[in-house]
Amino acid sequence: MQNDKNLEDLKECFLLYDKRGDERIECSQVGEVLRALDVNPTEHEVQKIVNNIDPAGEMKRVSFEEFYPMYQNLRERHRKERSENISSQVSDFVTEKGIQI
């Protein structure tokens, strides 16, 4: 869960990409904003997000309120994948070296 300061920082970063001053970004900027927030999605993940936001391809603009749950979901999924990857690597190392835990 984000505290108020972190949430404000996230929104501030998001709004740096708002070129119209309406507190929204273009769908095409979603991946760039996620990467700026250190989430680093794949192009496939970005495309899935954009398709969920704008299935008709109407170049919809996205508010922070729409963006934030997607950011949280993707960030948490990446965090879980990293954790599982590290656990797997440690397990492989322990097995390879014959270490007893």
N, C-alpha and C. Protein backbone atom coordinates (compact mmCIF):
# COMPACT_ATOMS: atom_id res chain seq x y z
N MET A 1 0.84 -1.18 0.00
CA MET A 1 0.00 0.00 0.00
C MET A 1 0.88 1.24 0.00
N GLN A 2 0.52 2.20 -0.78
CA GLN A 2 1.29 3.44 -0.89
C GLN A 2 0.86 4.41 0.20
N ASN A 3 1.84 5.10 0.82
CA ASN A 3 1.46 6.14 1.75
C ASN A 3 1.14 7.40 0.94
N ASP A 4 0.59 8.41 1.61
CA ASP A 4 0.15 9.62 0.91
C ASP A 4 1.27 10.30 0.14
N LYS A 5 2.47 10.34 0.72
CA LYS A 5 3.60 10.99 0.06
C LYS A 5 3.98 10.24 -1.22
N ASN A 6 4.06 8.91 -1.12
CA ASN A 6 4.38 8.12 -2.31
C ASN A 6 3.32 8.28 -3.38
N LEU A 7 2.06 8.31 -2.98
CA LEU A 7 0.97 8.47 -3.92
C LEU A 7 1.06 9.84 -4.61
N GLU A 8 1.38 10.86 -3.85
CA GLU A 8 1.57 12.20 -4.42
C GLU A 8 2.73 12.20 -5.42
N ASP A 9 3.82 11.53 -5.07
CA ASP A 9 4.98 11.45 -5.98
C ASP A 9 4.62 10.72 -7.26
N LEU A 10 3.87 9.63 -7.14
CA LEU A 10 3.43 8.89 -8.32
C LEU A 10 2.57 9.76 -9.22
N LYS A 11 1.64 10.47 -8.61
CA LYS A 11 0.75 11.33 -9.40
C LYS A 11 1.54 12.45 -10.05
N GLU A 12 2.50 13.00 -9.33
CA GLU A 12 3.33 14.07 -9.89
C GLU A 12 4.08 13.58 -11.12
N CYS A 13 4.65 12.39 -11.04
CA CYS A 13 5.34 11.81 -12.19
C CYS A 13 4.36 11.59 -13.34
N PHE A 14 3.20 11.04 -13.03
CA PHE A 14 2.16 10.81 -14.03
C PHE A 14 1.82 12.11 -14.75
N LEU A 15 1.64 13.17 -13.98
CA LEU A 15 1.21 14.45 -14.55
C LEU A 15 2.29 15.12 -15.39
N LEU A 16 3.54 14.71 -15.24
CA LEU A 16 4.59 15.24 -16.11
C LEU A 16 4.33 14.89 -17.57
N TYR A 17 3.56 13.85 -17.80
CA TYR A 17 3.25 13.39 -19.16
C TYR A 17 1.95 13.98 -19.69
N ASP A 18 1.26 14.77 -18.88
CA ASP A 18 0.01 15.41 -19.29
C ASP A 18 0.35 16.66 -20.10
N LYS A 19 0.10 16.59 -21.39
CA LYS A 19 0.45 17.71 -22.28
C LYS A 19 -0.68 18.72 -22.45
N ARG A 20 -1.90 18.38 -22.01
CA ARG A 20 -3.05 19.27 -22.19
C ARG A 20 -3.46 19.99 -20.91
N GLY A 21 -2.96 19.54 -19.79
CA GLY A 21 -3.36 20.16 -18.53
C GLY A 21 -4.70 19.67 -18.01
N ASP A 22 -5.17 18.51 -18.51
CA ASP A 22 -6.45 17.97 -18.05
C ASP A 22 -6.27 16.79 -17.09
N GLU A 23 -5.04 16.62 -16.60
CA GLU A 23 -4.68 15.56 -15.66
C GLU A 23 -4.93 14.17 -16.24
N ARG A 24 -4.68 14.03 -17.54
CA ARG A 24 -4.80 12.76 -18.24
C ARG A 24 -3.60 12.61 -19.18
N ILE A 25 -3.29 11.35 -19.50
CA ILE A 25 -2.22 11.08 -20.46
C ILE A 25 -2.80 10.28 -21.63
N GLU A 26 -2.08 10.27 -22.73
CA GLU A 26 -2.49 9.46 -23.88
C GLU A 26 -2.26 7.99 -23.55
N CYS A 27 -3.09 7.12 -24.09
CA CYS A 27 -2.89 5.67 -23.91
C CYS A 27 -1.49 5.27 -24.36
N SER A 28 -1.01 5.92 -25.41
CA SER A 28 0.31 5.57 -25.95
C SER A 28 1.44 5.89 -24.98
N GLN A 29 1.17 6.66 -23.94
CA GLN A 29 2.19 7.03 -22.96
C GLN A 29 2.22 6.12 -21.73
N VAL A 30 1.26 5.21 -21.63
CA VAL A 30 1.15 4.37 -20.43
C VAL A 30 2.44 3.61 -20.16
N GLY A 31 3.00 2.97 -21.17
CA GLY A 31 4.24 2.21 -20.98
C GLY A 31 5.38 3.08 -20.54
N GLU A 32 5.48 4.26 -21.13
CA GLU A 32 6.56 5.19 -20.78
C GLU A 32 6.43 5.64 -19.32
N VAL A 33 5.20 5.93 -18.89
CA VAL A 33 4.98 6.35 -17.51
C VAL A 33 5.29 5.20 -16.55
N LEU A 34 4.86 4.00 -16.88
CA LEU A 34 5.17 2.84 -16.03
C LEU A 34 6.68 2.66 -15.89
N ARG A 35 7.38 2.82 -17.00
CA ARG A 35 8.85 2.68 -16.95
C ARG A 35 9.48 3.80 -16.13
N ALA A 36 8.93 5.00 -16.22
CA ALA A 36 9.44 6.11 -15.42
C ALA A 36 9.23 5.84 -13.93
N LEU A 37 8.21 5.06 -13.62
CA LEU A 37 7.92 4.69 -12.23
C LEU A 37 8.61 3.39 -11.84
N ASP A 38 9.54 2.94 -12.67
CA ASP A 38 10.41 1.79 -12.40
C ASP A 38 9.67 0.45 -12.34
N VAL A 39 8.62 0.32 -13.16
CA VAL A 39 7.91 -0.95 -13.23
C VAL A 39 8.45 -1.81 -14.37
N ASN A 40 8.85 -1.20 -15.47
CA ASN A 40 9.47 -1.88 -16.61
C ASN A 40 8.65 -3.03 -17.20
N PRO A 41 7.46 -2.73 -17.69
CA PRO A 41 6.63 -3.76 -18.32
C PRO A 41 7.17 -4.14 -19.69
N THR A 42 6.81 -5.34 -20.13
CA THR A 42 7.14 -5.74 -21.49
C THR A 42 6.18 -5.03 -22.44
N GLU A 43 6.51 -5.03 -23.72
CA GLU A 43 5.61 -4.42 -24.71
C GLU A 43 4.27 -5.16 -24.71
N HIS A 44 4.31 -6.47 -24.52
CA HIS A 44 3.07 -7.26 -24.48
C HIS A 44 2.20 -6.82 -23.30
N GLU A 45 2.81 -6.61 -22.14
CA GLU A 45 2.05 -6.15 -20.97
C GLU A 45 1.45 -4.78 -21.21
N VAL A 46 2.23 -3.89 -21.83
CA VAL A 46 1.73 -2.55 -22.13
C VAL A 46 0.54 -2.65 -23.09
N GLN A 47 0.67 -3.47 -24.11
CA GLN A 47 -0.41 -3.61 -25.09
C GLN A 47 -1.68 -4.15 -24.45
N LYS A 48 -1.55 -5.11 -23.53
CA LYS A 48 -2.72 -5.62 -22.82
C LYS A 48 -3.39 -4.52 -22.00
N ILE A 49 -2.59 -3.71 -21.33
CA ILE A 49 -3.13 -2.61 -20.53
C ILE A 49 -3.86 -1.62 -21.43
N VAL A 50 -3.22 -1.22 -22.52
CA VAL A 50 -3.82 -0.26 -23.44
C VAL A 50 -5.12 -0.83 -24.02
N ASN A 51 -5.12 -2.11 -24.38
CA ASN A 51 -6.34 -2.73 -24.91
C ASN A 51 -7.46 -2.75 -23.89
N ASN A 52 -7.12 -2.90 -22.61
CA ASN A 52 -8.15 -2.85 -21.56
C ASN A 52 -8.69 -1.44 -21.37
N ILE A 53 -7.83 -0.45 -21.49
CA ILE A 53 -8.23 0.94 -21.32
C ILE A 53 -9.04 1.42 -22.51
N ASP A 54 -8.57 1.07 -23.69
CA ASP A 54 -9.12 1.62 -24.93
C ASP A 54 -9.34 0.51 -25.97
N PRO A 55 -10.30 -0.40 -25.70
CA PRO A 55 -10.48 -1.54 -26.60
C PRO A 55 -10.86 -1.15 -28.02
N ALA A 56 -11.50 -0.02 -28.20
CA ALA A 56 -11.92 0.40 -29.54
C ALA A 56 -10.82 1.15 -30.28
N GLY A 57 -9.71 1.41 -29.61
CA GLY A 57 -8.61 2.13 -30.25
C GLY A 57 -8.94 3.57 -30.58
N GLU A 58 -9.68 4.22 -29.70
CA GLU A 58 -10.13 5.59 -29.94
C GLU A 58 -9.18 6.65 -29.39
N MET A 59 -7.96 6.23 -29.03
CA MET A 59 -6.96 7.16 -28.49
C MET A 59 -7.46 7.84 -27.22
N LYS A 60 -8.09 7.05 -26.37
CA LYS A 60 -8.61 7.55 -25.10
C LYS A 60 -7.48 8.10 -24.24
N ARG A 61 -7.80 9.11 -23.45
CA ARG A 61 -6.86 9.64 -22.48
C ARG A 61 -7.18 9.02 -21.12
N VAL A 62 -6.15 8.81 -20.33
CA VAL A 62 -6.25 8.06 -19.08
C VAL A 62 -6.00 8.98 -17.89
N SER A 63 -6.87 8.90 -16.90
CA SER A 63 -6.68 9.67 -15.67
C SER A 63 -5.77 8.88 -14.73
N PHE A 64 -5.24 9.57 -13.72
CA PHE A 64 -4.42 8.90 -12.72
C PHE A 64 -5.25 7.85 -11.98
N GLU A 65 -6.51 8.15 -11.74
CA GLU A 65 -7.39 7.22 -11.03
C GLU A 65 -7.57 5.92 -11.81
N GLU A 66 -7.56 5.99 -13.14
CA GLU A 66 -7.64 4.78 -13.97
C GLU A 66 -6.28 4.08 -14.03
N PHE A 67 -5.23 4.87 -14.07
CA PHE A 67 -3.88 4.35 -14.22
C PHE A 67 -3.37 3.65 -12.96
N TYR A 68 -3.66 4.21 -11.80
CA TYR A 68 -3.06 3.74 -10.55
C TYR A 68 -3.34 2.26 -10.25
N PRO A 69 -4.57 1.77 -10.38
CA PRO A 69 -4.79 0.33 -10.11
C PRO A 69 -3.99 -0.57 -11.05
N MET A 70 -3.84 -0.15 -12.29
CA MET A 70 -3.05 -0.94 -13.25
C MET A 70 -1.58 -0.93 -12.85
N TYR A 71 -1.10 0.23 -12.42
CA TYR A 71 0.27 0.36 -11.94
C TYR A 71 0.49 -0.58 -10.75
N GLN A 72 -0.42 -0.54 -9.78
CA GLN A 72 -0.29 -1.38 -8.58
C GLN A 72 -0.27 -2.86 -8.95
N ASN A 73 -1.19 -3.27 -9.81
CA ASN A 73 -1.29 -4.67 -10.21
C ASN A 73 -0.01 -5.14 -10.87
N LEU A 74 0.48 -4.37 -11.82
CA LEU A 74 1.69 -4.75 -12.55
C LEU A 74 2.91 -4.73 -11.64
N ARG A 75 3.02 -3.73 -10.79
CA ARG A 75 4.14 -3.64 -9.85
C ARG A 75 4.16 -4.84 -8.92
N GLU A 76 2.99 -5.20 -8.40
CA GLU A 76 2.91 -6.34 -7.48
C GLU A 76 3.23 -7.65 -8.20
N ARG A 77 2.75 -7.80 -9.42
CA ARG A 77 3.04 -9.01 -10.19
C ARG A 77 4.53 -9.13 -10.45
N HIS A 78 5.17 -8.02 -10.82
CA HIS A 78 6.62 -8.04 -11.07
C HIS A 78 7.39 -8.33 -9.78
N ARG A 79 6.94 -7.76 -8.67
CA ARG A 79 7.60 -8.00 -7.38
C ARG A 79 7.51 -9.49 -7.03
N LYS A 80 6.34 -10.08 -7.23
CA LYS A 80 6.15 -11.50 -6.92
C LYS A 80 7.02 -12.36 -7.83
N GLU A 81 7.08 -12.03 -9.12
CA GLU A 81 7.91 -12.80 -10.06
C GLU A 81 9.38 -12.73 -9.67
N ARG A 82 9.85 -11.54 -9.27
CA ARG A 82 11.24 -11.39 -8.85
C ARG A 82 11.52 -12.22 -7.61
N SER A 83 10.59 -12.19 -6.67
CA SER A 83 10.76 -12.96 -5.44
C SER A 83 10.81 -14.45 -5.73
N GLU A 84 9.92 -14.92 -6.59
CA GLU A 84 9.91 -16.34 -6.96
C GLU A 84 11.20 -16.72 -7.69
N ASN A 85 11.68 -15.83 -8.53
CA ASN A 85 12.92 -16.08 -9.28
C ASN A 85 14.11 -16.18 -8.33
N ILE A 86 14.17 -15.28 -7.36
CA ILE A 86 15.27 -15.31 -6.39
C ILE A 86 15.19 -16.59 -5.56
N SER A 87 14.00 -16.95 -5.12
CA SER A 87 13.83 -18.19 -4.34
C SER A 87 14.28 -19.40 -5.13
N SER A 88 13.93 -19.43 -6.40
CA SER A 88 14.31 -20.54 -7.27
C SER A 88 15.83 -20.59 -7.44
N GLN A 89 16.45 -19.43 -7.61
CA GLN A 89 17.90 -19.38 -7.78
C GLN A 89 18.61 -19.84 -6.51
N VAL A 90 18.13 -19.42 -5.36
CA VAL A 90 18.73 -19.85 -4.09
C VAL A 90 18.57 -21.36 -3.93
N SER A 91 17.39 -21.86 -4.24
CA SER A 91 17.15 -23.30 -4.14
C SER A 91 18.08 -24.08 -5.07
N ASP A 92 18.24 -23.59 -6.30
CA ASP A 92 19.14 -24.25 -7.25
C ASP A 92 20.58 -24.23 -6.73
N PHE A 93 20.99 -23.11 -6.16
CA PHE A 93 22.35 -22.97 -5.63
C PHE A 93 22.57 -23.95 -4.47
N VAL A 94 21.60 -24.00 -3.56
CA VAL A 94 21.70 -24.89 -2.40
C VAL A 94 21.79 -26.34 -2.86
N THR A 95 20.95 -26.71 -3.81
CA THR A 95 20.96 -28.08 -4.34
C THR A 95 22.29 -28.38 -5.03
N GLU A 96 22.74 -27.44 -5.85
CA GLU A 96 23.99 -27.62 -6.61
C GLU A 96 25.19 -27.79 -5.68
N LYS A 97 25.22 -27.04 -4.61
CA LYS A 97 26.36 -27.07 -3.69
C LYS A 97 26.20 -28.12 -2.60
N GLY A 98 25.03 -28.76 -2.55
CA GLY A 98 24.80 -29.78 -1.54
C GLY A 98 24.70 -29.22 -0.14
N ILE A 99 24.24 -28.00 -0.03
CA ILE A 99 24.13 -27.33 1.27
C ILE A 99 22.87 -27.82 1.97
N GLN A 100 22.99 -28.10 3.26
CA GLN A 100 21.85 -28.51 4.07
C GLN A 100 21.34 -27.30 4.84
N ILE A 101 20.05 -27.09 4.76
CA ILE A 101 19.46 -25.96 5.50
C ILE A 101 18.57 -26.49 6.60
